[in-house]
Amino acid sequence: MSMAQQAPITLAAFLEWEQQQPVKYEFDGFRPVAMTGVSLEHSTIQGNIIRLVGNRLRGGPCRVHGPELKVITAGSVRYPDALVVCTPQQRGSYIASDPVVLFEIVSPSTALVDRIEKNEEYRRTLSVQRYVLLEQDRMAATVFSRDGDRWVGELLVGDRLLEMPEIGISVPLTEIYEDVEFVPASGTAPLG
């Protein structure tokens, strides 16, 4: 029986096991969860985030990374679609320590985990100041950020600005969704 089918395991056991695997797995706190491929829209949005955020951070202490680096949050291991760190990282590490901003691009198969489970894990990870959930089928983002002890959500739709004061930048949603084609709902004008 593979580890993905066994009873719950520890975080340490998962990290050791994952190093031997040919594909990426997240760890939900109990067992490995295989990572799947992404759509063209997902890939385009992800590439735009990494390029746009990376360019805006040039010359400062913060760096953007893609989904190759894992984040340990509240006993789980996650691979956000993009993340920003502002502290020096250990050379050769596969784990991003102290992430400040995390991005997830929501798909039908991951929506509940992204909106509920990861949201709760990221809220409980004190270094995380902002969690950005981006839709694939319309120009929209749900943004959670710290406001003192509160975790506050905001919906951004259409031609809005995604502000990230904790890393000193902002990015228009129109740029994040550049080159993404939206399929209009029947009887409506094209979105975005």
C-alpha atoms as a PDB file:
ATOM      1  CA  MET A   1       0.000   0.000   0.000  1.00  0.00           C
ATOM      2  CA  SER A   2       1.327   3.454  -0.864  1.00  0.00           C
ATOM      3  CA  MET A   3       1.730   6.161   1.766  1.00  0.00           C
ATOM      4  CA  ALA A   4      -1.092   8.113   0.086  1.00  0.00           C
ATOM      5  CA  GLN A   5      -3.504   5.290   1.017  1.00  0.00           C
ATOM      6  CA  GLN A   6      -2.288   4.603   4.570  1.00  0.00           C
ATOM      7  CA  ALA A   7      -3.505   5.837   7.917  1.00  0.00           C
ATOM      8  CA  PRO A   8      -2.558   9.367   9.048  1.00  0.00           C
ATOM      9  CA  ILE A   9       1.174  10.121   9.258  1.00  0.00           C
ATOM     10  CA  THR A  10       3.324  12.787  10.880  1.00  0.00           C
ATOM     11  CA  LEU A  11       4.652  15.885   9.165  1.00  0.00           C
ATOM     12  CA  ALA A  12       8.242  14.621   9.586  1.00  0.00           C
ATOM     13  CA  ALA A  13       7.359  11.258   8.002  1.00  0.00           C
ATOM     14  CA  PHE A  14       5.674  13.026   5.095  1.00  0.00           C
ATOM     15  CA  LEU A  15       8.665  15.313   4.434  1.00  0.00           C
ATOM     16  CA  GLU A  16      11.028  12.339   4.383  1.00  0.00           C
ATOM     17  CA  TRP A  17       8.695  10.305   2.134  1.00  0.00           C
ATOM     18  CA  GLU A  18       8.057  13.197  -0.264  1.00  0.00           C
ATOM     19  CA  GLN A  19      11.773  13.626  -1.037  1.00  0.00           C
ATOM     20  CA  GLN A  20      11.695  10.211  -2.714  1.00  0.00           C
ATOM     21  CA  GLN A  21       8.647  10.889  -4.911  1.00  0.00           C
ATOM     22  CA  PRO A  22       8.802  11.760  -8.626  1.00  0.00           C
ATOM     23  CA  VAL A  23       5.763  14.096  -8.349  1.00  0.00           C
ATOM     24  CA  LYS A  24       4.718  16.765  -5.842  1.00  0.00           C
ATOM     25  CA  TYR A  25       2.357  16.062  -2.984  1.00  0.00           C
ATOM     26  CA  GLU A  26       0.765  18.402  -0.501  1.00  0.00           C
ATOM     27  CA  PHE A  27       0.186  17.206   3.057  1.00  0.00           C
ATOM     28  CA  ASP A  28      -3.188  18.015   4.602  1.00  0.00           C
ATOM     29  CA  GLY A  29      -2.045  17.256   8.138  1.00  0.00           C
ATOM     30  CA  PHE A  30      -3.023  13.586   7.872  1.00  0.00           C
ATOM     31  CA  ARG A  31      -1.933  12.152   4.519  1.00  0.00           C
ATOM     32  CA  PRO A  32      -0.311  13.048   1.165  1.00  0.00           C
ATOM     33  CA  VAL A  33      -2.470  14.614  -1.547  1.00  0.00           C
ATOM     34  CA  ALA A  34      -1.141  14.322  -5.126  1.00  0.00           C
ATOM     35  CA  MET A  35      -0.785  17.560  -7.073  1.00  0.00           C
ATOM     36  CA  THR A  36      -2.425  17.640 -10.495  1.00  0.00           C
ATOM     37  CA  GLY A  37      -1.789  19.586 -13.677  1.00  0.00           C
ATOM     38  CA  VAL A  38      -3.204  23.043 -14.370  1.00  0.00           C
ATOM     39  CA  SER A  39      -5.276  24.637 -17.134  1.00  0.00           C
ATOM     40  CA  LEU A  40      -3.964  27.120 -19.686  1.00  0.00           C
ATOM     41  CA  GLU A  41      -5.777  29.934 -17.851  1.00  0.00           C
ATOM     42  CA  HIS A  42      -4.243  28.897 -14.535  1.00  0.00           C
ATOM     43  CA  SER A  43      -0.773  28.782 -16.050  1.00  0.00           C
ATOM     44  CA  THR A  44      -1.203  32.197 -17.698  1.00  0.00           C
ATOM     45  CA  ILE A  45      -2.440  33.855 -14.495  1.00  0.00           C
ATOM     46  CA  GLN A  46       0.369  32.234 -12.506  1.00  0.00           C
ATOM     47  CA  GLY A  47       3.028  33.379 -14.969  1.00  0.00           C
ATOM     48  CA  ASN A  48       1.623  36.908 -14.914  1.00  0.00           C
ATOM     49  CA  ILE A  49       1.686  37.037 -11.099  1.00  0.00           C
ATOM     50  CA  ILE A  50       5.280  35.860 -10.902  1.00  0.00           C
ATOM     51  CA  ARG A  51       6.436  38.295 -13.611  1.00  0.00           C
ATOM     52  CA  LEU A  52       4.445  41.323 -12.418  1.00  0.00           C
ATOM     53  CA  VAL A  53       5.130  40.914  -8.704  1.00  0.00           C
ATOM     54  CA  GLY A  54       8.764  39.984  -9.337  1.00  0.00           C
ATOM     55  CA  ASN A  55       9.359  43.085 -11.463  1.00  0.00           C
ATOM     56  CA  ARG A  56       7.778  45.356  -8.875  1.00  0.00           C
ATOM     57  CA  LEU A  57       9.879  43.860  -6.057  1.00  0.00           C
ATOM     58  CA  ARG A  58      13.214  44.360  -7.833  1.00  0.00           C
ATOM     59  CA  GLY A  59      15.810  46.112  -5.716  1.00  0.00           C
ATOM     60  CA  GLY A  60      14.052  45.417  -2.431  1.00  0.00           C
ATOM     61  CA  PRO A  61      14.324  42.674   0.177  1.00  0.00           C
ATOM     62  CA  CYS A  62      11.251  40.667  -0.959  1.00  0.00           C
ATOM     63  CA  ARG A  63      11.243  37.906  -3.583  1.00  0.00           C
ATOM     64  CA  VAL A  64       8.453  36.121  -5.414  1.00  0.00           C
ATOM     65  CA  HIS A  65       8.590  32.354  -5.974  1.00  0.00           C
ATOM     66  CA  GLY A  66       6.479  29.925  -7.939  1.00  0.00           C
ATOM     67  CA  PRO A  67       4.862  26.652  -6.945  1.00  0.00           C
ATOM     68  CA  GLU A  68       8.118  24.728  -6.703  1.00  0.00           C
ATOM     69  CA  LEU A  69       8.715  25.848  -3.106  1.00  0.00           C
ATOM     70  CA  LYS A  70       6.600  24.401  -0.339  1.00  0.00           C
ATOM     71  CA  VAL A  71       5.252  26.220   2.691  1.00  0.00           C
ATOM     72  CA  ILE A  72       4.671  24.577   6.066  1.00  0.00           C
ATOM     73  CA  THR A  73       1.481  25.974   7.582  1.00  0.00           C
ATOM     74  CA  ALA A  74      -0.295  24.845  10.732  1.00  0.00           C
ATOM     75  CA  GLY A  75       0.942  21.250  10.416  1.00  0.00           C
ATOM     76  CA  SER A  76       0.295  20.981   6.674  1.00  0.00           C
ATOM     77  CA  VAL A  77       2.543  21.289   3.633  1.00  0.00           C
ATOM     78  CA  ARG A  78       1.250  23.407   0.756  1.00  0.00           C
ATOM     79  CA  TYR A  79       2.561  24.473  -2.638  1.00  0.00           C
ATOM     80  CA  PRO A  80       0.947  27.887  -3.273  1.00  0.00           C
ATOM     81  CA  ASP A  81       0.740  28.962  -6.902  1.00  0.00           C
ATOM     82  CA  ALA A  82       3.003  31.892  -5.987  1.00  0.00           C
ATOM     83  CA  LEU A  83       4.380  33.347  -2.768  1.00  0.00           C
ATOM     84  CA  VAL A  84       6.415  36.277  -1.518  1.00  0.00           C
ATOM     85  CA  VAL A  85       9.086  36.096   1.177  1.00  0.00           C
ATOM     86  CA  CYS A  86      10.915  39.096   2.612  1.00  0.00           C
ATOM     87  CA  THR A  87      13.501  37.387   4.818  1.00  0.00           C
ATOM     88  CA  PRO A  88      16.681  35.642   3.703  1.00  0.00           C
ATOM     89  CA  GLN A  89      16.024  32.008   2.793  1.00  0.00           C
ATOM     90  CA  GLN A  90      18.319  29.094   3.516  1.00  0.00           C
ATOM     91  CA  ARG A  91      20.392  28.180   0.469  1.00  0.00           C
ATOM     92  CA  GLY A  92      19.317  24.879  -1.077  1.00  0.00           C
ATOM     93  CA  SER A  93      16.053  24.748   0.869  1.00  0.00           C
ATOM     94  CA  TYR A  94      12.856  23.340  -0.645  1.00  0.00           C
ATOM     95  CA  ILE A  95      10.762  25.141   1.963  1.00  0.00           C
ATOM     96  CA  ALA A  96       9.951  28.871   1.895  1.00  0.00           C
ATOM     97  CA  SER A  97      10.161  30.159   5.440  1.00  0.00           C
ATOM     98  CA  ASP A  98       8.117  33.091   6.717  1.00  0.00           C
ATOM     99  CA  PRO A  99       5.932  33.703   3.624  1.00  0.00           C
ATOM    100  CA  VAL A 100       4.262  37.118   3.653  1.00  0.00           C
ATOM    101  CA  VAL A 101       1.861  36.928   0.679  1.00  0.00           C
ATOM    102  CA  LEU A 102       0.393  33.719  -0.767  1.00  0.00           C
ATOM    103  CA  PHE A 103      -1.491  33.299  -4.053  1.00  0.00           C
ATOM    104  CA  GLU A 104      -3.814  30.453  -5.031  1.00  0.00           C
ATOM    105  CA  ILE A 105      -5.571  30.217  -8.386  1.00  0.00           C
ATOM    106  CA  VAL A 106      -8.905  28.567  -7.770  1.00  0.00           C
ATOM    107  CA  SER A 107     -10.062  25.660  -9.923  1.00  0.00           C
ATOM    108  CA  PRO A 108     -13.255  23.598  -9.585  1.00  0.00           C
ATOM    109  CA  SER A 109     -11.321  20.670  -8.107  1.00  0.00           C
ATOM    110  CA  THR A 110      -9.489  22.779  -5.484  1.00  0.00           C
ATOM    111  CA  ALA A 111     -12.047  25.484  -4.640  1.00  0.00           C
ATOM    112  CA  LEU A 112     -13.194  24.116  -1.267  1.00  0.00           C
ATOM    113  CA  VAL A 113      -9.674  23.355  -0.074  1.00  0.00           C
ATOM    114  CA  ASP A 114      -8.374  26.761  -1.250  1.00  0.00           C
ATOM    115  CA  ARG A 115     -11.277  28.773   0.182  1.00  0.00           C
ATOM    116  CA  ILE A 116     -11.662  26.958   3.502  1.00  0.00           C
ATOM    117  CA  GLU A 117      -8.816  24.640   4.552  1.00  0.00           C
ATOM    118  CA  LYS A 118      -5.873  26.607   3.162  1.00  0.00           C
ATOM    119  CA  ASN A 119      -7.483  29.883   4.189  1.00  0.00           C
ATOM    120  CA  GLU A 120      -7.648  28.683   7.800  1.00  0.00           C
ATOM    121  CA  GLU A 121      -4.074  27.326   7.672  1.00  0.00           C
ATOM    122  CA  TYR A 122      -2.714  30.559   6.205  1.00  0.00           C
ATOM    123  CA  ARG A 123      -4.646  32.638   8.765  1.00  0.00           C
ATOM    124  CA  ARG A 124      -3.002  30.608  11.546  1.00  0.00           C
ATOM    125  CA  THR A 125       0.476  31.143  10.012  1.00  0.00           C
ATOM    126  CA  LEU A 126       1.537  34.425  11.589  1.00  0.00           C
ATOM    127  CA  SER A 127       4.035  35.454   8.898  1.00  0.00           C
ATOM    128  CA  VAL A 128       1.262  35.411   6.276  1.00  0.00           C
ATOM    129  CA  GLN A 129      -0.140  38.922   5.954  1.00  0.00           C
ATOM    130  CA  ARG A 130      -2.189  38.457   2.774  1.00  0.00           C
ATOM    131  CA  TYR A 131      -3.835  35.523   0.998  1.00  0.00           C
ATOM    132  CA  VAL A 132      -5.016  36.156  -2.569  1.00  0.00           C
ATOM    133  CA  LEU A 133      -7.463  33.743  -4.232  1.00  0.00           C
ATOM    134  CA  LEU A 134      -7.728  34.376  -7.975  1.00  0.00           C
ATOM    135  CA  GLU A 135     -10.565  33.051 -10.127  1.00  0.00           C
ATOM    136  CA  GLN A 136      -9.842  31.436 -13.498  1.00  0.00           C
ATOM    137  CA  ASP A 137     -13.170  32.078 -15.195  1.00  0.00           C
ATOM    138  CA  ARG A 138     -13.542  35.801 -14.470  1.00  0.00           C
ATOM    139  CA  MET A 139     -11.435  38.779 -13.472  1.00  0.00           C
ATOM    140  CA  ALA A 140     -11.938  38.522  -9.714  1.00  0.00           C
ATOM    141  CA  ALA A 141      -9.960  38.010  -6.538  1.00  0.00           C
ATOM    142  CA  THR A 142     -10.886  37.329  -2.950  1.00  0.00           C
ATOM    143  CA  VAL A 143      -8.229  38.828  -0.709  1.00  0.00           C
ATOM    144  CA  PHE A 144      -7.745  38.052   2.972  1.00  0.00           C
ATOM    145  CA  SER A 145      -5.400  40.203   5.046  1.00  0.00           C
ATOM    146  CA  ARG A 146      -4.485  40.860   8.646  1.00  0.00           C
ATOM    147  CA  ASP A 147      -6.029  43.827  10.377  1.00  0.00           C
ATOM    148  CA  GLY A 148      -4.638  43.583  13.898  1.00  0.00           C
ATOM    149  CA  ASP A 149      -6.044  40.323  15.272  1.00  0.00           C
ATOM    150  CA  ARG A 150      -8.687  40.097  12.539  1.00  0.00           C
ATOM    151  CA  TRP A 151      -8.490  38.190   9.232  1.00  0.00           C
ATOM    152  CA  VAL A 152     -10.497  40.374   6.851  1.00  0.00           C
ATOM    153  CA  GLY A 153     -11.793  39.408   3.410  1.00  0.00           C
ATOM    154  CA  GLU A 154     -12.377  41.693   0.429  1.00  0.00           C
ATOM    155  CA  LEU A 155     -13.726  40.958  -3.030  1.00  0.00           C
ATOM    156  CA  LEU A 156     -12.058  42.617  -6.037  1.00  0.00           C
ATOM    157  CA  VAL A 157     -13.871  42.374  -9.382  1.00  0.00           C
ATOM    158  CA  GLY A 158     -12.984  43.766 -12.796  1.00  0.00           C
ATOM    159  CA  ASP A 159     -10.721  46.784 -13.197  1.00  0.00           C
ATOM    160  CA  ARG A 160      -9.555  46.949  -9.561  1.00  0.00           C
ATOM    161  CA  LEU A 161      -6.145  47.324  -7.978  1.00  0.00           C
ATOM    162  CA  LEU A 162      -4.707  44.503  -5.860  1.00  0.00           C
ATOM    163  CA  GLU A 163      -2.885  46.426  -3.159  1.00  0.00           C
ATOM    164  CA  MET A 164      -0.198  44.683  -1.107  1.00  0.00           C
ATOM    165  CA  PRO A 165       1.135  47.299   1.336  1.00  0.00           C
ATOM    166  CA  GLU A 166       3.032  44.678   3.366  1.00  0.00           C
ATOM    167  CA  ILE A 167       5.400  44.276   0.404  1.00  0.00           C
ATOM    168  CA  GLY A 168       5.063  47.842  -0.883  1.00  0.00           C
ATOM    169  CA  ILE A 169       3.437  47.161  -4.275  1.00  0.00           C
ATOM    170  CA  SER A 170       0.101  47.058  -6.076  1.00  0.00           C
ATOM    171  CA  VAL A 171      -0.937  45.314  -9.296  1.00  0.00           C
ATOM    172  CA  PRO A 172      -4.042  45.960 -11.426  1.00  0.00           C
ATOM    173  CA  LEU A 173      -6.218  42.882 -11.907  1.00  0.00           C
ATOM    174  CA  THR A 174      -6.255  43.714 -15.624  1.00  0.00           C
ATOM    175  CA  GLU A 175      -2.514  42.987 -15.737  1.00  0.00           C
ATOM    176  CA  ILE A 176      -2.824  39.773 -13.709  1.00  0.00           C
ATOM    177  CA  TYR A 177      -5.447  38.537 -16.204  1.00  0.00           C
ATOM    178  CA  GLU A 178      -3.607  39.715 -19.323  1.00  0.00           C
ATOM    179  CA  ASP A 179      -3.926  37.165 -22.182  1.00  0.00           C
ATOM    180  CA  VAL A 180      -6.629  35.169 -20.370  1.00  0.00           C
ATOM    181  CA  GLU A 181      -9.717  34.549 -22.507  1.00  0.00           C
ATOM    182  CA  PHE A 182     -12.982  34.330 -20.600  1.00  0.00           C
ATOM    183  CA  VAL A 183     -15.947  32.374 -21.916  1.00  0.00           C
ATOM    184  CA  PRO A 184     -19.085  34.490 -21.508  1.00  0.00           C
ATOM    185  CA  ALA A 185     -22.137  32.953 -19.904  1.00  0.00           C
ATOM    186  CA  SER A 186     -24.866  32.437 -22.478  1.00  0.00           C
ATOM    187  CA  GLY A 187     -26.684  35.676 -23.247  1.00  0.00           C
ATOM    188  CA  THR A 188     -24.028  37.945 -21.696  1.00  0.00           C
ATOM    189  CA  ALA A 189     -21.192  40.053 -23.015  1.00  0.00           C
ATOM    190  CA  PRO A 190     -17.592  38.779 -22.670  1.00  0.00           C
ATOM    191  CA  LEU A 191     -16.013  39.229 -19.229  1.00  0.00           C
ATOM    192  CA  GLY A 192     -12.781  41.054 -18.515  1.00  0.00           C
END
